[in-house]
Amino acid sequence: MKNRPIRERFSFAFDGLCFVWRTERSFRTECGFAVAAAVALVVLRPGWQWAALIVVCAILVMALELVNSSLEYLIDHVHPDIAIAIKHAKDAAAAAVLVASTGAVLVAALMLASVMWG
């Protein structure tokens, strides 16, 4: 799979994105929040810096969910049995998404505070 043409590599990435979209409710939910954030940016017009920060946060959460999903698919395929170390690995990956999501919510709250009282 290495050194493939860029078009083929983009195709692999798009296939992965579509698969996660179809199979992971969490990813679809996070995409919905990203769309809501985009609408809020259009309505509130907080400034370019806030908009950039919100966009980066939304993309980070979605990217981490993609990584989390890929780890879960791989782990479940390689070791379908329940094992405590595998549970810890999957929980840690899910925690990364939770930490990023919490950070995104905090950034959104700060943006709202800045728009309302700034």
PDB file of N, CA and C in Angstrom:
ATOM      1  N   MET A   1       0.796  -1.204   0.000  1.00  0.00           N
ATOM      2  CA  MET A   1       0.000   0.000   0.000  1.00  0.00           C
ATOM      3  C   MET A   1       0.839   1.269   0.000  1.00  0.00           C
ATOM      4  N   LYS A   2       2.125   1.140   0.230  1.00  0.00           N
ATOM      5  CA  LYS A   2       2.962   2.336   0.279  1.00  0.00           C
ATOM      6  C   LYS A   2       3.254   2.860  -1.125  1.00  0.00           C
ATOM      7  N   ASN A   3       3.531   4.154  -1.181  1.00  0.00           N
ATOM      8  CA  ASN A   3       3.943   4.830  -2.409  1.00  0.00           C
ATOM      9  C   ASN A   3       2.920   4.730  -3.534  1.00  0.00           C
ATOM     10  N   ARG A   4       1.665   4.752  -3.181  1.00  0.00           N
ATOM     11  CA  ARG A   4       0.592   4.762  -4.177  1.00  0.00           C
ATOM     12  C   ARG A   4       0.399   6.197  -4.662  1.00  0.00           C
ATOM     13  N   PRO A   5      -0.202   6.357  -5.833  1.00  0.00           N
ATOM     14  CA  PRO A   5      -0.501   7.722  -6.313  1.00  0.00           C
ATOM     15  C   PRO A   5      -1.423   8.452  -5.335  1.00  0.00           C
ATOM     16  N   ILE A   6      -1.285   9.750  -5.304  1.00  0.00           N
ATOM     17  CA  ILE A   6      -2.036  10.548  -4.318  1.00  0.00           C
ATOM     18  C   ILE A   6      -3.541  10.371  -4.471  1.00  0.00           C
ATOM     19  N   ARG A   7      -4.009  10.242  -5.697  1.00  0.00           N
ATOM     20  CA  ARG A   7      -5.446  10.057  -5.911  1.00  0.00           C
ATOM     21  C   ARG A   7      -5.935   8.768  -5.247  1.00  0.00           C
ATOM     22  N   GLU A   8      -5.149   7.730  -5.344  1.00  0.00           N
ATOM     23  CA  GLU A   8      -5.502   6.451  -4.728  1.00  0.00           C
ATOM     24  C   GLU A   8      -5.481   6.563  -3.204  1.00  0.00           C
ATOM     25  N   ARG A   9      -4.505   7.290  -2.675  1.00  0.00           N
ATOM     26  CA  ARG A   9      -4.433   7.465  -1.227  1.00  0.00           C
ATOM     27  C   ARG A   9      -5.617   8.264  -0.706  1.00  0.00           C
ATOM     28  N   PHE A  10      -6.041   9.293  -1.445  1.00  0.00           N
ATOM     29  CA  PHE A  10      -7.232  10.050  -1.057  1.00  0.00           C
ATOM     30  C   PHE A  10      -8.468   9.145  -1.102  1.00  0.00           C
ATOM     31  N   SER A  11      -8.503   8.250  -2.072  1.00  0.00           N
ATOM     32  CA  SER A  11      -9.620   7.320  -2.183  1.00  0.00           C
ATOM     33  C   SER A  11      -9.691   6.406  -0.964  1.00  0.00           C
ATOM     34  N   PHE A  12      -8.544   5.912  -0.490  1.00  0.00           N
ATOM     35  CA  PHE A  12      -8.509   5.091   0.721  1.00  0.00           C
ATOM     36  C   PHE A  12      -9.047   5.875   1.914  1.00  0.00           C
ATOM     37  N   ALA A  13      -8.592   7.119   2.042  1.00  0.00           N
ATOM     38  CA  ALA A  13      -9.030   7.957   3.167  1.00  0.00           C
ATOM     39  C   ALA A  13     -10.529   8.216   3.095  1.00  0.00           C
ATOM     40  N   PHE A  14     -11.029   8.501   1.908  1.00  0.00           N
ATOM     41  CA  PHE A  14     -12.461   8.763   1.747  1.00  0.00           C
ATOM     42  C   PHE A  14     -13.272   7.511   2.061  1.00  0.00           C
ATOM     43  N   ASP A  15     -12.785   6.343   1.645  1.00  0.00           N
ATOM     44  CA  ASP A  15     -13.457   5.078   1.975  1.00  0.00           C
ATOM     45  C   ASP A  15     -13.538   4.889   3.485  1.00  0.00           C
ATOM     46  N   GLY A  16     -12.436   5.189   4.181  1.00  0.00           N
ATOM     47  CA  GLY A  16     -12.426   5.071   5.638  1.00  0.00           C
ATOM     48  C   GLY A  16     -13.409   6.029   6.287  1.00  0.00           C
ATOM     49  N   LEU A  17     -13.443   7.255   5.788  1.00  0.00           N
ATOM     50  CA  LEU A  17     -14.367   8.258   6.313  1.00  0.00           C
ATOM     51  C   LEU A  17     -15.815   7.806   6.123  1.00  0.00           C
ATOM     52  N   CYS A  18     -16.123   7.303   4.946  1.00  0.00           N
ATOM     53  CA  CYS A  18     -17.489   6.836   4.662  1.00  0.00           C
ATOM     54  C   CYS A  18     -17.862   5.634   5.530  1.00  0.00           C
ATOM     55  N   PHE A  19     -16.907   4.726   5.737  1.00  0.00           N
ATOM     56  CA  PHE A  19     -17.182   3.548   6.562  1.00  0.00           C
ATOM     57  C   PHE A  19     -17.480   3.958   8.004  1.00  0.00           C
ATOM     58  N   VAL A  20     -16.667   4.840   8.550  1.00  0.00           N
ATOM     59  CA  VAL A  20     -16.902   5.292   9.927  1.00  0.00           C
ATOM     60  C   VAL A  20     -18.230   6.044  10.009  1.00  0.00           C
ATOM     61  N   TRP A  21     -18.543   6.854   9.016  1.00  0.00           N
ATOM     62  CA  TRP A  21     -19.823   7.562   8.993  1.00  0.00           C
ATOM     63  C   TRP A  21     -20.987   6.564   9.063  1.00  0.00           C
ATOM     64  N   ARG A  22     -20.899   5.489   8.282  1.00  0.00           N
ATOM     65  CA  ARG A  22     -21.976   4.503   8.242  1.00  0.00           C
ATOM     66  C   ARG A  22     -22.090   3.684   9.532  1.00  0.00           C
ATOM     67  N   THR A  23     -20.976   3.432  10.189  1.00  0.00           N
ATOM     68  CA  THR A  23     -20.977   2.457  11.286  1.00  0.00           C
ATOM     69  C   THR A  23     -20.897   3.052  12.689  1.00  0.00           C
ATOM     70  N   GLU A  24     -20.537   4.311  12.814  1.00  0.00           N
ATOM     71  CA  GLU A  24     -20.309   4.889  14.151  1.00  0.00           C
ATOM     72  C   GLU A  24     -21.263   6.046  14.436  1.00  0.00           C
ATOM     73  N   ARG A  25     -22.204   5.813  15.330  1.00  0.00           N
ATOM     74  CA  ARG A  25     -23.156   6.855  15.723  1.00  0.00           C
ATOM     75  C   ARG A  25     -22.427   8.050  16.357  1.00  0.00           C
ATOM     76  N   SER A  26     -21.397   7.765  17.146  1.00  0.00           N
ATOM     77  CA  SER A  26     -20.652   8.853  17.797  1.00  0.00           C
ATOM     78  C   SER A  26     -20.077   9.812  16.767  1.00  0.00           C
ATOM     79  N   PHE A  27     -19.539   9.278  15.681  1.00  0.00           N
ATOM     80  CA  PHE A  27     -18.956  10.140  14.647  1.00  0.00           C
ATOM     81  C   PHE A  27     -20.039  10.991  13.988  1.00  0.00           C
ATOM     82  N   ARG A  28     -21.186  10.396  13.706  1.00  0.00           N
ATOM     83  CA  ARG A  28     -22.276  11.179  13.100  1.00  0.00           C
ATOM     84  C   ARG A  28     -22.754  12.268  14.058  1.00  0.00           C
ATOM     85  N   THR A  29     -22.818  11.951  15.341  1.00  0.00           N
ATOM     86  CA  THR A  29     -23.219  12.942  16.345  1.00  0.00           C
ATOM     87  C   THR A  29     -22.220  14.089  16.393  1.00  0.00           C
ATOM     88  N   GLU A  30     -20.935  13.753  16.405  1.00  0.00           N
ATOM     89  CA  GLU A  30     -19.898  14.793  16.440  1.00  0.00           C
ATOM     90  C   GLU A  30     -19.924  15.647  15.180  1.00  0.00           C
ATOM     91  N   CYS A  31     -20.219  15.049  14.047  1.00  0.00           N
ATOM     92  CA  CYS A  31     -20.364  15.836  12.815  1.00  0.00           C
ATOM     93  C   CYS A  31     -21.557  16.783  12.921  1.00  0.00           C
ATOM     94  N   GLY A  32     -22.631  16.312  13.554  1.00  0.00           N
ATOM     95  CA  GLY A  32     -23.793  17.174  13.778  1.00  0.00           C
ATOM     96  C   GLY A  32     -23.457  18.368  14.653  1.00  0.00           C
ATOM     97  N   PHE A  33     -22.667  18.121  15.700  1.00  0.00           N
ATOM     98  CA  PHE A  33     -22.227  19.233  16.548  1.00  0.00           C
ATOM     99  C   PHE A  33     -21.328  20.197  15.768  1.00  0.00           C
ATOM    100  N   ALA A  34     -20.510  19.670  14.885  1.00  0.00           N
ATOM    101  CA  ALA A  34     -19.641  20.531  14.067  1.00  0.00           C
ATOM    102  C   ALA A  34     -20.486  21.429  13.153  1.00  0.00           C
ATOM    103  N   VAL A  35     -21.531  20.865  12.576  1.00  0.00           N
ATOM    104  CA  VAL A  35     -22.431  21.669  11.734  1.00  0.00           C
ATOM    105  C   VAL A  35     -23.123  22.731  12.584  1.00  0.00           C
ATOM    106  N   ALA A  36     -23.576  22.357  13.777  1.00  0.00           N
ATOM    107  CA  ALA A  36     -24.213  23.329  14.684  1.00  0.00           C
ATOM    108  C   ALA A  36     -23.230  24.438  15.049  1.00  0.00           C
ATOM    109  N   ALA A  37     -21.986  24.076  15.272  1.00  0.00           N
ATOM    110  CA  ALA A  37     -20.969  25.083  15.584  1.00  0.00           C
ATOM    111  C   ALA A  37     -20.770  26.027  14.399  1.00  0.00           C
ATOM    112  N   ALA A  38     -20.775  25.483  13.188  1.00  0.00           N
ATOM    113  CA  ALA A  38     -20.625  26.327  11.998  1.00  0.00           C
ATOM    114  C   ALA A  38     -21.791  27.302  11.870  1.00  0.00           C
ATOM    115  N   VAL A  39     -22.989  26.815  12.128  1.00  0.00           N
ATOM    116  CA  VAL A  39     -24.164  27.693  12.091  1.00  0.00           C
ATOM    117  C   VAL A  39     -24.036  28.780  13.153  1.00  0.00           C
ATOM    118  N   ALA A  40     -23.610  28.401  14.352  1.00  0.00           N
ATOM    119  CA  ALA A  40     -23.430  29.382  15.431  1.00  0.00           C
ATOM    120  C   ALA A  40     -22.399  30.435  15.037  1.00  0.00           C
ATOM    121  N   LEU A  41     -21.338  30.024  14.355  1.00  0.00           N
ATOM    122  CA  LEU A  41     -20.324  30.988  13.912  1.00  0.00           C
ATOM    123  C   LEU A  41     -20.907  31.980  12.912  1.00  0.00           C
ATOM    124  N   VAL A  42     -21.750  31.484  12.019  1.00  0.00           N
ATOM    125  CA  VAL A  42     -22.372  32.374  11.027  1.00  0.00           C
ATOM    126  C   VAL A  42     -23.316  33.357  11.717  1.00  0.00           C
ATOM    127  N   VAL A  43     -24.080  32.870  12.680  1.00  0.00           N
ATOM    128  CA  VAL A  43     -25.060  33.715  13.370  1.00  0.00           C
ATOM    129  C   VAL A  43     -24.375  34.718  14.300  1.00  0.00           C
ATOM    130  N   LEU A  44     -23.422  34.236  15.082  1.00  0.00           N
ATOM    131  CA  LEU A  44     -22.802  35.080  16.111  1.00  0.00           C
ATOM    132  C   LEU A  44     -21.693  35.983  15.575  1.00  0.00           C
ATOM    133  N   ARG A  45     -21.051  35.573  14.496  1.00  0.00           N
ATOM    134  CA  ARG A  45     -19.944  36.336  13.891  1.00  0.00           C
ATOM    135  C   ARG A  45     -18.924  36.786  14.945  1.00  0.00           C
ATOM    136  N   PRO A  46     -18.274  35.827  15.617  1.00  0.00           N
ATOM    137  CA  PRO A  46     -17.405  36.173  16.735  1.00  0.00           C
ATOM    138  C   PRO A  46     -16.038  36.732  16.343  1.00  0.00           C
ATOM    139  N   GLY A  47     -15.691  36.688  15.098  1.00  0.00           N
ATOM    140  CA  GLY A  47     -14.368  37.117  14.653  1.00  0.00           C
ATOM    141  C   GLY A  47     -13.579  35.916  14.136  1.00  0.00           C
ATOM    142  N   TRP A  48     -12.586  36.225  13.310  1.00  0.00           N
ATOM    143  CA  TRP A  48     -11.825  35.164  12.648  1.00  0.00           C
ATOM    144  C   TRP A  48     -11.052  34.278  13.622  1.00  0.00           C
ATOM    145  N   GLN A  49     -10.505  34.861  14.677  1.00  0.00           N
ATOM    146  CA  GLN A  49      -9.727  34.045  15.616  1.00  0.00           C
ATOM    147  C   GLN A  49     -10.602  33.013  16.323  1.00  0.00           C
ATOM    148  N   TRP A  50     -11.759  33.439  16.789  1.00  0.00           N
ATOM    149  CA  TRP A  50     -12.675  32.510  17.447  1.00  0.00           C
ATOM    150  C   TRP A  50     -13.164  31.460  16.454  1.00  0.00           C
ATOM    151  N   ALA A  51     -13.493  31.900  15.249  1.00  0.00           N
ATOM    152  CA  ALA A  51     -13.967  30.955  14.236  1.00  0.00           C
ATOM    153  C   ALA A  51     -12.904  29.899  13.949  1.00  0.00           C
ATOM    154  N   ALA A  52     -11.660  30.328  13.801  1.00  0.00           N
ATOM    155  CA  ALA A  52     -10.578  29.379  13.534  1.00  0.00           C
ATOM    156  C   ALA A  52     -10.419  28.400  14.681  1.00  0.00           C
ATOM    157  N   LEU A  53     -10.497  28.886  15.898  1.00  0.00           N
ATOM    158  CA  LEU A  53     -10.348  28.025  17.063  1.00  0.00           C
ATOM    159  C   LEU A  53     -11.483  26.997  17.152  1.00  0.00           C
ATOM    160  N   ILE A  54     -12.699  27.428  16.888  1.00  0.00           N
ATOM    161  CA  ILE A  54     -13.842  26.514  16.912  1.00  0.00           C
ATOM    162  C   ILE A  54     -13.701  25.456  15.820  1.00  0.00           C
ATOM    163  N   VAL A  55     -13.288  25.871  14.626  1.00  0.00           N
ATOM    164  CA  VAL A  55     -13.102  24.917  13.520  1.00  0.00           C
ATOM    165  C   VAL A  55     -12.019  23.901  13.872  1.00  0.00           C
ATOM    166  N   VAL A  56     -10.907  24.353  14.421  1.00  0.00           N
ATOM    167  CA  VAL A  56      -9.826  23.435  14.811  1.00  0.00           C
ATOM    168  C   VAL A  56     -10.319  22.452  15.870  1.00  0.00           C
ATOM    169  N   CYS A  57     -11.066  22.937  16.845  1.00  0.00           N
ATOM    170  CA  CYS A  57     -11.595  22.046  17.888  1.00  0.00           C
ATOM    171  C   CYS A  57     -12.517  20.988  17.288  1.00  0.00           C
ATOM    172  N   ALA A  58     -13.414  21.396  16.407  1.00  0.00           N
ATOM    173  CA  ALA A  58     -14.351  20.452  15.797  1.00  0.00           C
ATOM    174  C   ALA A  58     -13.605  19.403  14.973  1.00  0.00           C
ATOM    175  N   ILE A  59     -12.626  19.841  14.205  1.00  0.00           N
ATOM    176  CA  ILE A  59     -11.850  18.903  13.391  1.00  0.00           C
ATOM    177  C   ILE A  59     -11.039  17.960  14.268  1.00  0.00           C
ATOM    178  N   LEU A  60     -10.485  18.467  15.347  1.00  0.00           N
ATOM    179  CA  LEU A  60      -9.715  17.620  16.264  1.00  0.00           C
ATOM    180  C   LEU A  60     -10.590  16.527  16.873  1.00  0.00           C
ATOM    181  N   VAL A  61     -11.790  16.883  17.307  1.00  0.00           N
ATOM    182  CA  VAL A  61     -12.696  15.888  17.889  1.00  0.00           C
ATOM    183  C   VAL A  61     -13.031  14.818  16.849  1.00  0.00           C
ATOM    184  N   MET A  62     -13.365  15.230  15.635  1.00  0.00           N
ATOM    185  CA  MET A  62     -13.712  14.256  14.600  1.00  0.00           C
ATOM    186  C   MET A  62     -12.512  13.387  14.221  1.00  0.00           C
ATOM    187  N   ALA A  63     -11.324  13.978  14.146  1.00  0.00           N
ATOM    188  CA  ALA A  63     -10.129  13.202  13.819  1.00  0.00           C
ATOM    189  C   ALA A  63      -9.832  12.176  14.906  1.00  0.00           C
ATOM    190  N   LEU A  64      -9.964  12.571  16.157  1.00  0.00           N
ATOM    191  CA  LEU A  64      -9.730  11.622  17.250  1.00  0.00           C
ATOM    192  C   LEU A  64     -10.768  10.504  17.245  1.00  0.00           C
ATOM    193  N   GLU A  65     -11.996  10.816  16.884  1.00  0.00           N
ATOM    194  CA  GLU A  65     -13.017   9.763  16.780  1.00  0.00           C
ATOM    195  C   GLU A  65     -12.673   8.787  15.667  1.00  0.00           C
ATOM    196  N   LEU A  66     -12.123   9.281  14.575  1.00  0.00           N
ATOM    197  CA  LEU A  66     -11.676   8.388  13.497  1.00  0.00           C
ATOM    198  C   LEU A  66     -10.552   7.469  13.980  1.00  0.00           C
ATOM    199  N   VAL A  67      -9.606   8.018  14.716  1.00  0.00           N
ATOM    200  CA  VAL A  67      -8.510   7.209  15.271  1.00  0.00           C
ATOM    201  C   VAL A  67      -9.062   6.202  16.276  1.00  0.00           C
ATOM    202  N   ASN A  68      -9.948   6.647  17.148  1.00  0.00           N
ATOM    203  CA  ASN A  68     -10.566   5.754  18.126  1.00  0.00           C
ATOM    204  C   ASN A  68     -11.277   4.599  17.417  1.00  0.00           C
ATOM    205  N   SER A  69     -12.043   4.910  16.400  1.00  0.00           N
ATOM    206  CA  SER A  69     -12.760   3.866  15.658  1.00  0.00           C
ATOM    207  C   SER A  69     -11.792   2.896  14.995  1.00  0.00           C
ATOM    208  N   SER A  70     -10.734   3.425  14.401  1.00  0.00           N
ATOM    209  CA  SER A  70      -9.776   2.541  13.726  1.00  0.00           C
ATOM    210  C   SER A  70      -9.107   1.603  14.726  1.00  0.00           C
ATOM    211  N   LEU A  71      -8.770   2.110  15.904  1.00  0.00           N
ATOM    212  CA  LEU A  71      -8.188   1.247  16.939  1.00  0.00           C
ATOM    213  C   LEU A  71      -9.180   0.163  17.377  1.00  0.00           C
ATOM    214  N   GLU A  72     -10.431   0.537  17.545  1.00  0.00           N
ATOM    215  CA  GLU A  72     -11.435  -0.444  17.941  1.00  0.00           C
ATOM    216  C   GLU A  72     -11.610  -1.520  16.876  1.00  0.00           C
ATOM    217  N   TYR A  73     -11.676  -1.126  15.598  1.00  0.00           N
ATOM    218  CA  TYR A  73     -11.818  -2.113  14.523  1.00  0.00           C
ATOM    219  C   TYR A  73     -10.637  -3.080  14.524  1.00  0.00           C
ATOM    220  N   LEU A  74      -9.445  -2.529  14.628  1.00  0.00           N
ATOM    221  CA  LEU A  74      -8.235  -3.358  14.606  1.00  0.00           C
ATOM    222  C   LEU A  74      -8.184  -4.300  15.812  1.00  0.00           C
ATOM    223  N   ILE A  75      -8.406  -3.754  16.990  1.00  0.00           N
ATOM    224  CA  ILE A  75      -8.348  -4.564  18.212  1.00  0.00           C
ATOM    225  C   ILE A  75      -9.404  -5.667  18.174  1.00  0.00           C
ATOM    226  N   ASP A  76     -10.629  -5.316  17.768  1.00  0.00           N
ATOM    227  CA  ASP A  76     -11.696  -6.314  17.740  1.00  0.00           C
ATOM    228  C   ASP A  76     -11.412  -7.423  16.725  1.00  0.00           C
ATOM    229  N   HIS A  77     -10.709  -7.084  15.653  1.00  0.00           N
ATOM    230  CA  HIS A  77     -10.361  -8.091  14.651  1.00  0.00           C
ATOM    231  C   HIS A  77      -9.223  -8.988  15.133  1.00  0.00           C
ATOM    232  N   VAL A  78      -8.188  -8.388  15.671  1.00  0.00           N
ATOM    233  CA  VAL A  78      -6.998  -9.142  16.082  1.00  0.00           C
ATOM    234  C   VAL A  78      -7.261  -9.952  17.344  1.00  0.00           C
ATOM    235  N   HIS A  79      -8.029  -9.375  18.272  1.00  0.00           N
ATOM    236  CA  HIS A  79      -8.247 -10.044  19.555  1.00  0.00           C
ATOM    237  C   HIS A  79      -9.716  -9.881  19.957  1.00  0.00           C
ATOM    238  N   PRO A  80     -10.604 -10.697  19.396  1.00  0.00           N
ATOM    239  CA  PRO A  80     -12.038 -10.528  19.672  1.00  0.00           C
ATOM    240  C   PRO A  80     -12.444 -10.898  21.103  1.00  0.00           C
ATOM    241  N   ASP A  81     -11.601 -11.625  21.806  1.00  0.00           N
ATOM    242  CA  ASP A  81     -11.923 -11.987  23.188  1.00  0.00           C
ATOM    243  C   ASP A  81     -11.764 -10.796  24.118  1.00  0.00           C
ATOM    244  N   ILE A  82     -12.454 -10.863  25.238  1.00  0.00           N
ATOM    245  CA  ILE A  82     -12.346  -9.790  26.227  1.00  0.00           C
ATOM    246  C   ILE A  82     -11.049  -9.983  27.019  1.00  0.00           C
ATOM    247  N   ALA A  83     -10.273  -8.921  27.088  1.00  0.00           N
ATOM    248  CA  ALA A  83      -9.028  -8.925  27.870  1.00  0.00           C
ATOM    249  C   ALA A  83      -8.897  -7.560  28.518  1.00  0.00           C
ATOM    250  N   ILE A  84      -8.431  -7.538  29.748  1.00  0.00           N
ATOM    251  CA  ILE A  84      -8.376  -6.288  30.511  1.00  0.00           C
ATOM    252  C   ILE A  84      -7.460  -5.258  29.855  1.00  0.00           C
ATOM    253  N   ALA A  85      -6.325  -5.682  29.302  1.00  0.00           N
ATOM    254  CA  ALA A  85      -5.408  -4.731  28.659  1.00  0.00           C
ATOM    255  C   ALA A  85      -6.045  -4.113  27.416  1.00  0.00           C
ATOM    256  N   ILE A  86      -6.799  -4.901  26.681  1.00  0.00           N
ATOM    257  CA  ILE A  86      -7.488  -4.387  25.486  1.00  0.00           C
ATOM    258  C   ILE A  86      -8.594  -3.424  25.897  1.00  0.00           C
ATOM    259  N   LYS A  87      -9.310  -3.758  26.963  1.00  0.00           N
ATOM    260  CA  LYS A  87     -10.329  -2.836  27.470  1.00  0.00           C
ATOM    261  C   LYS A  87      -9.701  -1.499  27.834  1.00  0.00           C
ATOM    262  N   HIS A  88      -8.544  -1.543  28.490  1.00  0.00           N
ATOM    263  CA  HIS A  88      -7.866  -0.301  28.877  1.00  0.00           C
ATOM    264  C   HIS A  88      -7.451   0.496  27.641  1.00  0.00           C
ATOM    265  N   ALA A  89      -6.958  -0.170  26.622  1.00  0.00           N
ATOM    266  CA  ALA A  89      -6.552   0.525  25.392  1.00  0.00           C
ATOM    267  C   ALA A  89      -7.752   1.201  24.730  1.00  0.00           C
ATOM    268  N   LYS A  90      -8.863   0.473  24.631  1.00  0.00           N
ATOM    269  CA  LYS A  90     -10.060   1.046  24.016  1.00  0.00           C
ATOM    270  C   LYS A  90     -10.621   2.191  24.859  1.00  0.00           C
ATOM    271  N   ASP A  91     -10.601   2.026  26.181  1.00  0.00           N
ATOM    272  CA  ASP A  91     -11.087   3.088  27.065  1.00  0.00           C
ATOM    273  C   ASP A  91     -10.213   4.338  26.969  1.00  0.00           C
ATOM    274  N   ALA A  92      -8.910   4.150  26.859  1.00  0.00           N
ATOM    275  CA  ALA A  92      -7.999   5.294  26.746  1.00  0.00           C
ATOM    276  C   ALA A  92      -8.242   6.046  25.438  1.00  0.00           C
ATOM    277  N   ALA A  93      -8.472   5.322  24.356  1.00  0.00           N
ATOM    278  CA  ALA A  93      -8.758   5.979  23.078  1.00  0.00           C
ATOM    279  C   ALA A  93     -10.074   6.757  23.163  1.00  0.00           C
ATOM    280  N   ALA A  94     -11.074   6.164  23.804  1.00  0.00           N
ATOM    281  CA  ALA A  94     -12.343   6.873  23.989  1.00  0.00           C
ATOM    282  C   ALA A  94     -12.157   8.095  24.878  1.00  0.00           C
ATOM    283  N   ALA A  95     -11.291   7.983  25.875  1.00  0.00           N
ATOM    284  CA  ALA A  95     -11.019   9.127  26.760  1.00  0.00           C
ATOM    285  C   ALA A  95     -10.377  10.277  25.991  1.00  0.00           C
ATOM    286  N   ALA A  96      -9.545   9.974  25.010  1.00  0.00           N
ATOM    287  CA  ALA A  96      -8.937  11.031  24.197  1.00  0.00           C
ATOM    288  C   ALA A  96     -10.014  11.842  23.486  1.00  0.00           C
ATOM    289  N   VAL A  97     -11.027  11.154  22.979  1.00  0.00           N
ATOM    290  CA  VAL A  97     -12.145  11.847  22.332  1.00  0.00           C
ATOM    291  C   VAL A  97     -12.899  12.690  23.361  1.00  0.00           C
ATOM    292  N   LEU A  98     -13.120  12.132  24.543  1.00  0.00           N
ATOM    293  CA  LEU A  98     -13.821  12.857  25.603  1.00  0.00           C
ATOM    294  C   LEU A  98     -13.062  14.116  26.023  1.00  0.00           C
ATOM    295  N   VAL A  99     -11.755  14.013  26.179  1.00  0.00           N
ATOM    296  CA  VAL A  99     -10.938  15.177  26.569  1.00  0.00           C
ATOM    297  C   VAL A  99     -11.019  16.260  25.493  1.00  0.00           C
ATOM    298  N   ALA A 100     -10.888  15.870  24.233  1.00  0.00           N
ATOM    299  CA  ALA A 100     -10.971  16.850  23.138  1.00  0.00           C
ATOM    300  C   ALA A 100     -12.363  17.476  23.076  1.00  0.00           C
ATOM    301  N   SER A 101     -13.395  16.664  23.272  1.00  0.00           N
ATOM    302  CA  SER A 101     -14.764  17.189  23.247  1.00  0.00           C
ATOM    303  C   SER A 101     -15.002  18.179  24.379  1.00  0.00           C
ATOM    304  N   THR A 102     -14.484  17.858  25.556  1.00  0.00           N
ATOM    305  CA  THR A 102     -14.611  18.766  26.691  1.00  0.00           C
ATOM    306  C   THR A 102     -13.892  20.082  26.399  1.00  0.00           C
ATOM    307  N   GLY A 103     -12.710  19.989  25.827  1.00  0.00           N
ATOM    308  CA  GLY A 103     -11.985  21.200  25.446  1.00  0.00           C
ATOM    309  C   GLY A 103     -12.751  22.020  24.433  1.00  0.00           C
ATOM    310  N   ALA A 104     -13.379  21.359  23.477  1.00  0.00           N
ATOM    311  CA  ALA A 104     -14.163  22.069  22.461  1.00  0.00           C
ATOM    312  C   ALA A 104     -15.347  22.798  23.093  1.00  0.00           C
ATOM    313  N   VAL A 105     -15.998  22.149  24.047  1.00  0.00           N
ATOM    314  CA  VAL A 105     -17.124  22.791  24.737  1.00  0.00           C
ATOM    315  C   VAL A 105     -16.639  23.998  25.539  1.00  0.00           C
ATOM    316  N   LEU A 106     -15.490  23.884  26.182  1.00  0.00           N
ATOM    317  CA  LEU A 106     -14.943  25.014  26.941  1.00  0.00           C
ATOM    318  C   LEU A 106     -14.590  26.182  26.017  1.00  0.00           C
ATOM    319  N   VAL A 107     -14.007  25.882  24.871  1.00  0.00           N
ATOM    320  CA  VAL A 107     -13.696  26.945  23.903  1.00  0.00           C
ATOM    321  C   VAL A 107     -14.981  27.609  23.427  1.00  0.00           C
ATOM    322  N   ALA A 108     -16.006  26.806  23.152  1.00  0.00           N
ATOM    323  CA  ALA A 108     -17.284  27.373  22.720  1.00  0.00           C
ATOM    324  C   ALA A 108     -17.882  28.272  23.809  1.00  0.00           C
ATOM    325  N   ALA A 109     -17.787  27.855  25.064  1.00  0.00           N
ATOM    326  CA  ALA A 109     -18.312  28.668  26.170  1.00  0.00           C
ATOM    327  C   ALA A 109     -17.552  29.986  26.280  1.00  0.00           C
ATOM    328  N   LEU A 110     -16.238  29.916  26.127  1.00  0.00           N
ATOM    329  CA  LEU A 110     -15.443  31.149  26.173  1.00  0.00           C
ATOM    330  C   LEU A 110     -15.778  32.075  25.011  1.00  0.00           C
ATOM    331  N   MET A 111     -16.019  31.492  23.833  1.00  0.00           N
ATOM    332  CA  MET A 111     -16.396  32.305  22.685  1.00  0.00           C
ATOM    333  C   MET A 111     -17.735  32.992  22.956  1.00  0.00           C
ATOM    334  N   LEU A 112     -18.694  32.241  23.472  1.00  0.00           N
ATOM    335  CA  LEU A 112     -20.009  32.830  23.766  1.00  0.00           C
ATOM    336  C   LEU A 112     -19.872  33.952  24.796  1.00  0.00           C
ATOM    337  N   ALA A 113     -19.072  33.731  25.822  1.00  0.00           N
ATOM    338  CA  ALA A 113     -18.854  34.762  26.828  1.00  0.00           C
ATOM    339  C   ALA A 113     -18.227  36.003  26.193  1.00  0.00           C
ATOM    340  N   SER A 114     -17.291  35.802  25.292  1.00  0.00           N
ATOM    341  CA  SER A 114     -16.622  36.916  24.624  1.00  0.00           C
ATOM    342  C   SER A 114     -17.610  37.701  23.749  1.00  0.00           C
ATOM    343  N   VAL A 115     -18.472  36.988  23.052  1.00  0.00           N
ATOM    344  CA  VAL A 115     -19.457  37.649  22.177  1.00  0.00           C
ATOM    345  C   VAL A 115     -20.495  38.399  22.999  1.00  0.00           C
ATOM    346  N   MET A 116     -20.930  37.759  24.094  1.00  0.00           N
ATOM    347  CA  MET A 116     -22.002  38.368  24.884  1.00  0.00           C
ATOM    348  C   MET A 116     -21.523  39.487  25.798  1.00  0.00           C
ATOM    349  N   TRP A 117     -20.346  39.310  26.426  1.00  0.00           N
ATOM    350  CA  TRP A 117     -19.905  40.265  27.430  1.00  0.00           C
ATOM    351  C   TRP A 117     -18.566  40.899  27.104  1.00  0.00           C
ATOM    352  N   GLY A 118     -17.989  40.526  25.961  1.00  0.00           N
ATOM    353  CA  GLY A 118     -16.653  40.980  25.604  1.00  0.00           C
ATOM    354  C   GLY A 118     -16.636  42.381  25.167  1.00  0.00           C
TER     355      GLY A 118
END
